[in-house]
Protein backbone atom coordinates (compact mmCIF):
# COMPACT_ATOMS: atom_id res chain seq x y z
CA MET A 1 -13.48 58.87 -77.45
CA VAL A 2 -14.99 60.56 -74.56
CA GLU A 3 -12.85 63.46 -73.09
CA VAL A 4 -13.23 64.09 -69.40
CA PRO A 5 -16.61 65.78 -69.16
CA GLU A 6 -17.57 68.90 -67.75
CA ILE A 7 -18.94 68.84 -64.13
CA ARG A 8 -22.46 70.68 -64.09
CA PHE A 9 -24.90 71.23 -61.48
CA ALA A 10 -28.69 70.53 -61.13
CA HIS A 11 -30.76 71.88 -58.06
CA VAL A 12 -33.06 70.22 -55.28
CA GLY A 13 -34.19 73.42 -53.56
CA GLU A 14 -31.09 75.48 -52.59
CA ASP A 15 -28.94 72.03 -53.01
CA ARG A 16 -26.44 71.63 -55.82
CA VAL A 17 -25.99 67.88 -57.47
CA ALA A 18 -22.91 67.72 -59.43
CA TYR A 19 -23.17 65.50 -62.32
CA GLN A 20 -21.67 64.78 -65.84
CA VAL A 21 -23.22 63.57 -69.16
CA PHE A 22 -21.41 61.88 -71.76
CA GLY A 23 -22.08 59.90 -74.80
CA VAL A 24 -25.18 59.45 -76.96
CA GLY A 25 -28.50 58.10 -76.36
CA PRO A 26 -30.78 56.38 -76.63
CA PRO A 27 -30.87 54.81 -74.25
CA ASP A 28 -29.74 56.97 -71.38
CA VAL A 29 -28.20 55.34 -68.45
CA VAL A 30 -27.73 56.40 -65.01
CA TYR A 31 -24.73 55.15 -63.52
CA MET A 32 -25.35 55.13 -59.76
CA SER A 33 -21.98 53.92 -57.82
CA GLY A 34 -21.58 54.08 -54.15
CA ALA A 35 -20.01 55.89 -51.36
CA THR A 36 -16.51 55.17 -51.82
CA GLU A 37 -15.64 57.48 -55.00
CA THR A 38 -16.76 60.70 -56.82
CA ILE A 39 -17.38 61.67 -60.23
CA ASP A 40 -14.14 64.02 -60.08
CA VAL A 41 -11.58 60.97 -59.41
CA ARG A 42 -13.25 58.30 -61.23
CA TRP A 43 -11.58 59.46 -64.52
CA GLU A 44 -8.02 59.26 -63.07
CA TRP A 45 -7.81 55.09 -62.91
CA PRO A 46 -7.53 54.11 -66.39
CA PRO A 47 -9.38 51.12 -66.22
CA TYR A 48 -12.43 53.08 -64.82
CA ALA A 49 -12.18 55.67 -67.63
CA HIS A 50 -12.13 52.72 -70.03
CA PHE A 51 -15.10 51.28 -68.63
CA LEU A 52 -17.20 54.51 -68.64
CA ARG A 53 -16.16 55.23 -72.07
CA ARG A 54 -17.07 51.49 -73.40
CA LEU A 55 -20.50 52.42 -71.69
CA ALA A 56 -20.87 55.58 -73.21
CA SER A 57 -20.29 53.88 -76.73
CA PHE A 58 -23.88 52.60 -76.87
CA SER A 59 -25.70 55.08 -74.35
CA ARG A 60 -25.80 58.58 -72.91
CA VAL A 61 -24.08 58.10 -69.78
CA ILE A 62 -25.41 60.18 -66.48
CA MET A 63 -23.66 59.87 -63.45
CA PHE A 64 -23.61 62.12 -60.31
CA ASP A 65 -22.53 62.35 -56.68
CA GLN A 66 -25.05 62.43 -54.26
CA ARG A 67 -26.01 64.96 -51.98
CA GLY A 68 -23.53 64.64 -48.86
CA GLN A 69 -20.70 63.39 -51.10
CA GLY A 70 -17.86 64.57 -53.32
CA ALA A 71 -18.80 67.70 -55.25
CA SER A 72 -22.57 67.83 -54.31
CA ASP A 73 -23.90 69.71 -51.14
CA HIS A 74 -25.11 68.46 -48.29
CA VAL A 75 -28.82 67.91 -47.98
CA SER A 76 -30.36 71.05 -46.29
CA GLY A 77 -32.12 70.66 -43.15
CA SER A 78 -32.26 67.16 -41.71
CA GLY A 79 -33.35 65.55 -44.78
CA VAL A 80 -36.09 62.75 -44.93
CA SER A 81 -34.58 59.61 -45.57
CA LEU A 82 -31.31 58.42 -47.13
CA TRP A 83 -33.05 56.93 -50.25
CA GLU A 84 -35.71 59.38 -50.81
CA ASP A 85 -32.70 62.17 -50.57
CA TRP A 86 -30.99 60.12 -53.12
CA ALA A 87 -33.96 59.82 -55.30
CA GLU A 88 -34.35 63.26 -55.51
CA ASP A 89 -30.94 63.76 -56.75
CA VAL A 90 -31.73 61.37 -59.62
CA ARG A 91 -35.10 63.20 -60.37
CA ALA A 92 -33.18 66.62 -60.31
CA VAL A 93 -30.20 65.26 -62.60
CA LEU A 94 -32.59 63.80 -65.19
CA ASN A 95 -34.59 66.50 -65.15
CA ALA A 96 -31.50 68.79 -65.80
CA VAL A 97 -30.21 66.73 -68.70
CA GLY A 98 -33.86 66.56 -70.54
CA SER A 99 -34.02 62.68 -69.99
CA GLU A 100 -37.78 61.04 -69.74
CA ARG A 101 -36.64 57.48 -69.15
CA ALA A 102 -33.56 55.76 -68.15
CA ALA A 103 -31.93 52.49 -67.33
CA LEU A 104 -30.56 52.62 -63.77
CA PHE A 105 -26.91 50.97 -63.34
CA ALA A 106 -26.65 50.44 -59.56
CA THR A 107 -23.87 48.66 -57.77
CA VAL A 108 -23.66 47.31 -54.31
CA ASP A 109 -25.19 49.58 -51.95
CA THR A 110 -27.10 51.69 -54.65
CA THR A 111 -29.10 48.68 -55.58
CA PRO A 112 -32.13 49.31 -53.17
CA ILE A 113 -32.37 53.28 -54.36
CA ALA A 114 -32.29 52.07 -57.73
CA LEU A 115 -35.24 49.39 -56.90
CA LEU A 116 -37.26 51.85 -54.91
CA LEU A 117 -37.29 54.36 -57.89
CA ALA A 118 -38.28 51.46 -60.37
CA ALA A 119 -41.16 50.68 -58.16
CA THR A 120 -42.49 54.12 -57.54
CA GLU A 121 -41.32 55.64 -60.74
CA PRO A 122 -42.09 53.02 -63.67
CA GLU A 123 -42.77 55.60 -66.25
CA ARG A 124 -39.08 56.87 -66.24
CA THR A 125 -37.46 53.69 -65.53
CA GLN A 126 -36.47 51.82 -68.62
CA SER A 127 -34.65 48.69 -67.40
CA LEU A 128 -32.71 48.10 -64.13
CA ILE A 129 -29.06 46.61 -63.92
CA LEU A 130 -27.97 45.60 -60.48
CA PHE A 131 -24.27 44.64 -60.23
CA GLU A 132 -23.41 43.04 -56.86
CA GLY A 133 -26.94 44.07 -55.71
CA THR A 134 -28.48 43.03 -52.90
CA ALA A 135 -32.24 43.67 -51.23
CA ARG A 136 -30.79 43.38 -47.78
CA PHE A 137 -27.41 42.77 -46.50
CA THR A 138 -28.03 41.24 -43.09
CA ALA A 139 -29.52 37.69 -42.40
CA ALA A 140 -33.20 37.18 -41.38
CA GLU A 141 -34.53 33.76 -40.71
CA ASP A 142 -36.06 33.66 -44.43
CA TYR A 143 -32.95 35.26 -46.07
CA PRO A 144 -29.42 34.40 -46.38
CA GLY A 145 -26.75 37.26 -45.85
CA LEU A 146 -24.07 38.21 -42.87
CA SER A 147 -24.98 38.02 -39.25
CA ALA A 148 -25.59 41.08 -37.59
CA ASP A 149 -22.40 40.60 -35.59
CA SER A 150 -20.37 40.15 -38.87
CA MET A 151 -22.35 43.38 -40.37
CA HIS A 152 -21.30 45.40 -37.56
CA GLU A 153 -17.43 44.06 -37.38
CA MET A 154 -17.06 45.08 -41.33
CA GLU A 155 -18.56 48.50 -40.72
CA ARG A 156 -16.19 49.25 -37.85
CA VAL A 157 -13.18 47.88 -39.70
CA THR A 158 -14.12 49.63 -42.83
CA ALA A 159 -14.43 53.04 -40.86
CA GLU A 160 -11.38 52.70 -39.27
CA ALA A 161 -9.75 52.05 -42.49
CA TRP A 162 -11.72 54.68 -44.57
CA GLY A 163 -9.33 56.79 -46.64
CA THR A 164 -6.10 54.87 -46.31
CA ASP A 165 -4.44 52.27 -48.57
CA ALA A 166 -5.92 49.30 -46.23
CA ALA A 167 -9.48 50.03 -47.50
CA ALA A 168 -8.70 48.80 -51.22
CA SER A 169 -7.43 45.31 -49.65
CA LEU A 170 -10.79 44.78 -47.62
CA LEU A 171 -13.22 46.11 -50.35
CA SER A 172 -11.44 45.63 -53.39
CA PRO A 173 -9.40 42.47 -53.38
CA ALA A 174 -8.65 41.74 -56.85
CA HIS A 175 -7.00 45.06 -56.80
CA GLY A 176 -5.40 45.34 -53.36
CA ASP A 177 -1.72 44.42 -54.17
CA ASP A 178 -1.44 47.34 -56.55
CA PRO A 179 0.35 50.19 -55.01
CA ALA A 180 -0.99 52.73 -57.56
CA TYR A 181 -4.65 51.19 -57.02
CA ARG A 182 -4.49 51.46 -53.32
CA ARG A 183 -3.14 54.94 -53.57
CA TRP A 184 -6.01 55.79 -56.24
CA PHE A 185 -8.97 53.95 -54.30
CA ALA A 186 -7.85 55.90 -50.78
CA LYS A 187 -7.90 59.37 -52.33
CA ALA A 188 -11.32 58.36 -54.18
CA GLN A 189 -12.69 57.50 -50.90
CA ARG A 190 -11.08 60.66 -49.05
CA ALA A 191 -12.54 62.85 -51.66
CA ALA A 192 -16.26 61.01 -51.50
CA LEU A 193 -16.88 61.13 -47.47
CA GLY A 194 -15.03 61.98 -44.44
CA PRO A 195 -14.47 58.78 -42.02
CA ARG A 196 -17.60 59.81 -39.88
CA ALA A 197 -19.90 60.36 -42.73
CA ALA A 198 -18.58 57.36 -44.42
CA ALA A 199 -19.53 55.39 -41.11
CA ALA A 200 -23.02 56.81 -40.83
CA VAL A 201 -23.76 56.07 -44.49
CA LEU A 202 -22.50 52.30 -44.31
CA SER A 203 -24.88 51.75 -41.10
CA VAL A 204 -27.67 53.18 -43.00
CA ILE A 205 -27.11 50.92 -46.04
CA SER A 206 -26.57 47.82 -44.19
CA ALA A 207 -29.98 48.20 -42.38
CA MET A 208 -31.95 48.79 -45.37
CA ASP A 209 -34.33 46.21 -46.50
CA VAL A 210 -36.42 46.57 -49.95
CA ARG A 211 -37.70 42.79 -50.22
CA PRO A 212 -41.19 43.95 -49.70
CA VAL A 213 -41.19 46.14 -52.85
CA LEU A 214 -39.50 43.59 -55.25
CA ALA A 215 -42.90 42.31 -56.55
CA SER A 216 -43.77 46.02 -57.48
CA VAL A 217 -40.66 46.38 -59.78
CA ARG A 218 -42.04 45.56 -63.24
CA THR A 219 -39.54 46.88 -65.37
CA PRO A 220 -36.72 44.55 -66.98
CA ALA A 221 -33.60 43.74 -64.63
CA LEU A 222 -30.29 42.24 -65.45
CA VAL A 223 -28.82 41.16 -62.24
CA ILE A 224 -24.74 40.59 -62.33
CA HIS A 225 -22.73 39.17 -59.81
CA ARG A 226 -19.10 38.23 -59.75
CA LYS A 227 -18.98 34.39 -58.51
CA ASP A 228 -15.99 34.72 -56.22
CA TYR A 229 -17.23 37.89 -54.34
CA GLN A 230 -17.57 37.16 -50.54
CA LEU A 231 -19.12 40.32 -49.10
CA VAL A 232 -22.31 39.78 -51.02
CA PRO A 233 -22.75 36.21 -51.66
CA ILE A 234 -24.31 34.97 -54.67
CA GLU A 235 -27.40 33.75 -53.05
CA HIS A 236 -28.35 37.49 -52.62
CA ALA A 237 -27.94 37.66 -56.71
CA ARG A 238 -30.19 34.71 -56.73
CA TYR A 239 -32.80 36.01 -54.59
CA LEU A 240 -33.09 39.28 -56.64
CA ALA A 241 -33.54 37.05 -59.97
CA GLU A 242 -36.25 35.05 -58.52
CA HIS A 243 -38.35 37.81 -56.59
CA LEU A 244 -38.27 40.34 -59.35
CA PRO A 245 -40.90 39.88 -61.91
CA ASP A 246 -39.06 40.63 -64.99
CA ALA A 247 -35.34 39.54 -64.22
CA ARG A 248 -32.16 37.16 -65.46
CA LEU A 249 -29.37 36.18 -63.79
CA LEU A 250 -25.68 36.90 -65.20
CA LEU A 251 -23.06 35.22 -63.49
CA SER A 252 -19.57 36.34 -63.96
CA ASP A 253 -16.05 35.31 -63.13
CA GLY A 254 -14.04 37.38 -60.49
CA ASP A 255 -13.81 38.56 -57.03
CA ASP A 256 -14.16 42.37 -57.24
CA PRO A 257 -17.51 44.13 -57.07
CA SER A 258 -16.13 46.72 -59.68
CA PRO A 259 -18.11 46.92 -62.93
CA TRP A 260 -14.88 47.76 -64.71
CA SER A 261 -12.74 44.94 -63.20
CA GLU A 262 -11.89 41.99 -65.52
CA PRO A 263 -13.50 40.27 -67.03
CA MET A 264 -14.95 43.60 -68.19
CA GLY A 265 -15.30 43.18 -71.82
CA GLU A 266 -17.55 40.22 -71.62
CA VAL A 267 -20.04 42.02 -68.96
CA LEU A 268 -20.16 45.08 -71.35
CA ASP A 269 -21.19 43.03 -74.12
CA GLU A 270 -23.96 41.31 -72.04
CA ILE A 271 -24.83 44.91 -70.73
CA GLU A 272 -25.10 46.47 -74.41
CA ARG A 273 -27.38 43.69 -75.67
CA PHE A 274 -29.65 44.14 -72.67
CA LEU A 275 -30.06 47.57 -73.16
CA THR A 276 -30.27 47.81 -76.73
CA GLY A 277 -32.16 44.84 -77.57
CA ALA A 278 -34.78 45.12 -74.10
CA ARG A 279 -38.30 45.74 -74.91
CA ASP A 280 -38.56 49.41 -75.51
CA ARG A 281 -41.83 50.07 -73.70
CA ALA A 282 -43.03 51.99 -70.94
CA PRO A 283 -43.83 49.63 -68.13
CA GLY A 284 -47.72 49.52 -67.13
CA THR A 285 -47.91 52.66 -64.69
CA ASP A 286 -51.40 51.61 -63.53
CA ARG A 287 -49.97 49.97 -60.49
CA VAL A 288 -47.15 51.33 -58.55
CA LEU A 289 -45.49 51.50 -55.40
CA ALA A 290 -46.38 54.44 -53.18
CA THR A 291 -46.66 55.86 -49.62
CA VAL A 292 -50.61 56.37 -48.66
CA LEU A 293 -51.56 58.87 -46.30
CA PHE A 294 -55.23 59.26 -44.55
CA THR A 295 -56.24 62.02 -42.04
CA ASP A 296 -59.25 62.15 -40.13
CA ILE A 297 -60.72 64.87 -37.93
CA VAL A 298 -61.38 63.86 -34.43
CA GLY A 299 -64.98 64.02 -33.41
CA SER A 300 -66.22 65.85 -36.52
CA THR A 301 -69.56 64.53 -36.34
CA GLU A 302 -70.05 65.59 -32.81
CA ARG A 303 -68.40 69.29 -33.72
CA ALA A 304 -70.59 69.79 -36.85
CA ALA A 305 -73.80 69.15 -34.68
CA ALA A 306 -72.51 71.49 -31.73
CA GLN A 307 -71.29 74.29 -34.18
CA GLY A 308 -74.14 74.38 -36.86
CA ASP A 309 -73.76 73.82 -40.49
CA ARG A 310 -72.32 77.38 -41.60
CA HIS A 311 -69.57 77.67 -38.90
CA TRP A 312 -68.65 73.87 -39.33
CA ARG A 313 -68.42 74.55 -43.48
CA THR A 314 -66.19 77.48 -42.92
CA LEU A 315 -63.95 75.40 -40.94
CA LEU A 316 -63.84 72.63 -43.26
CA GLU A 317 -62.84 75.26 -45.86
CA SER A 318 -59.89 76.34 -43.77
CA HIS A 319 -59.04 72.76 -43.05
CA ASP A 320 -58.98 72.05 -46.88
CA THR A 321 -57.05 75.15 -47.72
CA VAL A 322 -54.27 74.27 -44.92
CA SER A 323 -54.22 70.29 -45.96
CA ARG A 324 -53.48 71.52 -49.98
CA GLY A 325 -50.65 73.59 -48.94
CA VAL A 326 -48.94 71.58 -46.34
CA ILE A 327 -49.08 68.35 -48.73
CA ASP A 328 -48.13 70.24 -51.67
CA GLN A 329 -45.21 71.82 -50.00
CA HIS A 330 -44.21 68.25 -48.93
CA GLY A 331 -44.29 66.97 -52.47
CA GLY A 332 -47.27 64.79 -51.98
CA ARG A 333 -50.50 64.48 -54.05
CA ILE A 334 -54.21 65.02 -52.95
CA ILE A 335 -56.26 62.34 -54.09
CA LYS A 336 -59.48 63.53 -52.29
CA LEU A 337 -60.96 65.67 -49.55
CA THR A 338 -63.15 63.15 -47.64
CA GLY A 339 -65.06 65.53 -46.18
CA ASP A 340 -63.63 65.62 -42.33
CA GLY A 341 -60.09 64.51 -43.70
CA VAL A 342 -57.74 64.03 -46.65
CA LEU A 343 -56.35 60.93 -48.80
CA ALA A 344 -52.85 61.75 -50.36
CA THR A 345 -49.99 59.71 -51.89
CA PHE A 346 -46.22 60.46 -51.79
CA ASP A 347 -43.37 59.00 -53.51
CA GLY A 348 -41.74 57.99 -50.08
CA PRO A 349 -42.86 57.63 -46.50
CA GLY A 350 -40.10 60.06 -45.25
CA ARG A 351 -42.00 62.85 -46.87
CA ALA A 352 -45.44 61.58 -45.64
CA VAL A 353 -44.42 61.37 -42.32
CA GLN A 354 -43.15 64.94 -42.37
CA CYS A 355 -46.21 65.87 -43.99
CA ALA A 356 -48.44 64.45 -41.31
CA ARG A 357 -46.45 66.25 -38.53
CA SER A 358 -46.65 69.69 -40.26
CA LEU A 359 -50.39 69.07 -41.12
CA ARG A 360 -50.91 68.00 -37.51
CA GLU A 361 -49.44 71.38 -36.09
CA ALA A 362 -50.89 73.54 -38.78
CA LEU A 363 -54.51 72.47 -38.08
CA ARG A 364 -53.85 72.83 -34.52
CA THR A 365 -53.95 76.56 -35.16
CA LEU A 366 -57.48 76.18 -36.12
CA ALA A 367 -58.64 74.19 -33.17
CA ILE A 368 -58.52 70.89 -35.38
CA ASP A 369 -57.11 67.78 -34.16
CA ILE A 370 -56.64 64.91 -36.46
CA ARG A 371 -55.61 61.18 -36.54
CA VAL A 372 -53.07 59.99 -39.37
CA GLY A 373 -52.52 56.56 -40.92
CA ILE A 374 -49.54 55.82 -43.26
CA HIS A 375 -48.60 52.69 -45.26
CA THR A 376 -46.27 51.91 -48.06
CA GLY A 377 -47.55 49.50 -50.65
CA GLU A 378 -48.75 48.71 -54.14
CA ILE A 379 -51.66 51.04 -55.41
CA GLU A 380 -53.80 50.82 -58.62
CA VAL A 381 -53.92 54.21 -60.36
CA ARG A 382 -57.54 54.88 -61.56
CA GLY A 383 -57.13 58.10 -63.74
CA ASP A 384 -57.31 60.57 -61.01
CA ASP A 385 -58.19 58.23 -58.15
CA ILE A 386 -56.53 55.28 -56.54
CA GLY A 387 -57.36 52.02 -55.24
CA GLY A 388 -55.79 48.40 -53.97
CA ILE A 389 -55.22 46.88 -51.10
CA ALA A 390 -52.58 49.60 -49.92
CA VAL A 391 -55.43 52.31 -49.42
CA HIS A 392 -57.39 50.27 -47.51
CA VAL A 393 -54.42 49.21 -45.13
CA ALA A 394 -53.43 53.02 -44.76
CA SER A 395 -57.52 53.79 -43.74
CA ARG A 396 -57.43 50.98 -41.03
CA VAL A 397 -54.09 52.07 -39.79
CA MET A 398 -55.49 55.26 -39.03
CA ASP A 399 -58.74 53.62 -37.44
CA HIS A 400 -56.14 52.65 -34.67
CA ALA A 401 -54.96 56.28 -33.97
CA ASP A 402 -55.83 58.07 -31.10
CA PRO A 403 -56.49 61.93 -31.28
CA GLY A 404 -53.21 63.71 -32.39
CA GLU A 405 -51.27 60.32 -33.23
CA ILE A 406 -49.84 59.31 -36.29
CA TRP A 407 -49.69 55.47 -36.82
CA VAL A 408 -47.65 53.53 -39.71
CA SER A 409 -47.43 50.30 -40.78
CA GLY A 410 -44.33 48.02 -40.52
CA ALA A 411 -43.30 48.47 -44.02
CA VAL A 412 -42.70 52.46 -43.18
CA PRO A 413 -39.65 52.12 -41.18
CA LEU A 414 -38.30 49.69 -43.15
CA LEU A 415 -37.83 52.49 -45.92
CA MET A 416 -37.12 55.21 -43.57
CA VAL A 417 -33.60 53.91 -42.34
CA GLY A 418 -31.15 56.87 -41.50
CA SER A 419 -33.83 59.42 -41.06
CA ASN A 420 -34.21 61.22 -37.69
CA VAL A 421 -37.80 59.79 -37.12
CA GLU A 422 -38.21 57.35 -34.28
CA PHE A 423 -41.08 54.95 -34.09
CA GLU A 424 -42.70 52.95 -31.09
CA PRO A 425 -44.19 49.59 -31.48
CA ARG A 426 -47.66 48.96 -31.00
CA GLY A 427 -47.46 45.06 -31.80
CA GLU A 428 -49.55 43.16 -34.23
CA ARG A 429 -52.99 44.49 -34.97
CA ALA A 430 -55.71 43.02 -36.92
CA LEU A 431 -57.18 45.54 -39.64
CA LYS A 432 -60.81 45.44 -40.29
CA GLY A 433 -61.60 43.62 -43.67
CA VAL A 434 -57.94 43.31 -44.40
CA PRO A 435 -56.40 39.58 -44.09
CA GLY A 436 -53.86 38.60 -41.28
CA ASP A 437 -52.23 40.55 -38.50
CA TRP A 438 -50.15 43.84 -39.06
CA GLN A 439 -47.02 45.35 -37.24
CA LEU A 440 -48.05 48.81 -36.56
CA LEU A 441 -46.11 51.68 -34.95
CA THR A 442 -46.43 55.07 -33.91
CA VAL A 443 -44.32 58.34 -34.73
CA ARG A 444 -42.64 59.37 -31.71
CA THR A 445 -43.22 63.14 -31.25
């Protein structure tokens, strides 16, 4: 029997992330529930507590409140992007409990976060459990989903009902007629987020689209879907199962998005079989999803000729020192100094864009102007070097930039929904040596 575990705190810089850990592994399971509840309140609803105890009977369960929610601090400063902030929370908690590899158990709105973590950090992700998950909420020409008008209406109604008994009927139809559940659900929402913050989070989540990264997720995945749940149609689950390289689909009876709802037993049995019987192997880490940043000193050849070798070499040494410091400060990894620029990688595009802005300003104090290209895609890790089409794309994106500009591929804004960065479309462009036309944008200053 698992007693209600103590709440502890991991640190992301000056911020604290509240977490609980209980049960005995392996495996470790990071339970990533969404924005409607907190770790403080989950144990107060008996079916939920039973579900968590059952999950802990065959794993060590780690769960936390994302920053900005429940018992955790708000993100210091403006943040980067929602998924990068939350991914940083996961890393901090895993480090705090000494977990090297874990299964990620995501529900509904945290599915994109889990998928991006699995793609960018395969060495730490043992497997994925995606419950009522989706790679994208809204419909597109090539994707089934809710219309933009329906999404906006759902966001509006949810924001108005947030923290009230009515929210239970809207978001949890199987239990909406139970007065005790309605009171608990409303309390859980109020403890998690205020109405205005909830509306902002829902708007960000509904705009996320992680379909481009699915092919980079090579960890085993169990996709679970309630057959009669209407807000996330079954086609979303089928899409995930078909486009993830190593996934299987489990269809369950019921119309509720909560994994602790009935039929809970058979779902937990399948999860246990999946986790304890899944291949216990570290996925190949020679190919991972990453954000690639290229910089180039504007007019380097002309300046070198005009200033002479000695002065130019001194200036390049200053450029390299500043670049190393700024990239390290933003959590990036320098792959190589190219002589008149830098090649670096980042876990997410938000940090790459922030780094590019900071680097541009820092180098201007040395009278150095740069152009920058950024792309998020799958890279090949070759010891201390990297390769693959994503590297070439980032380099060719940079070629289009004018002095002082930061250009990005179309993949970058999709993964920065909710950030304070604005992009200006530059249309489709051909990239030398790369097939097809590419949607390019600039970062507004």
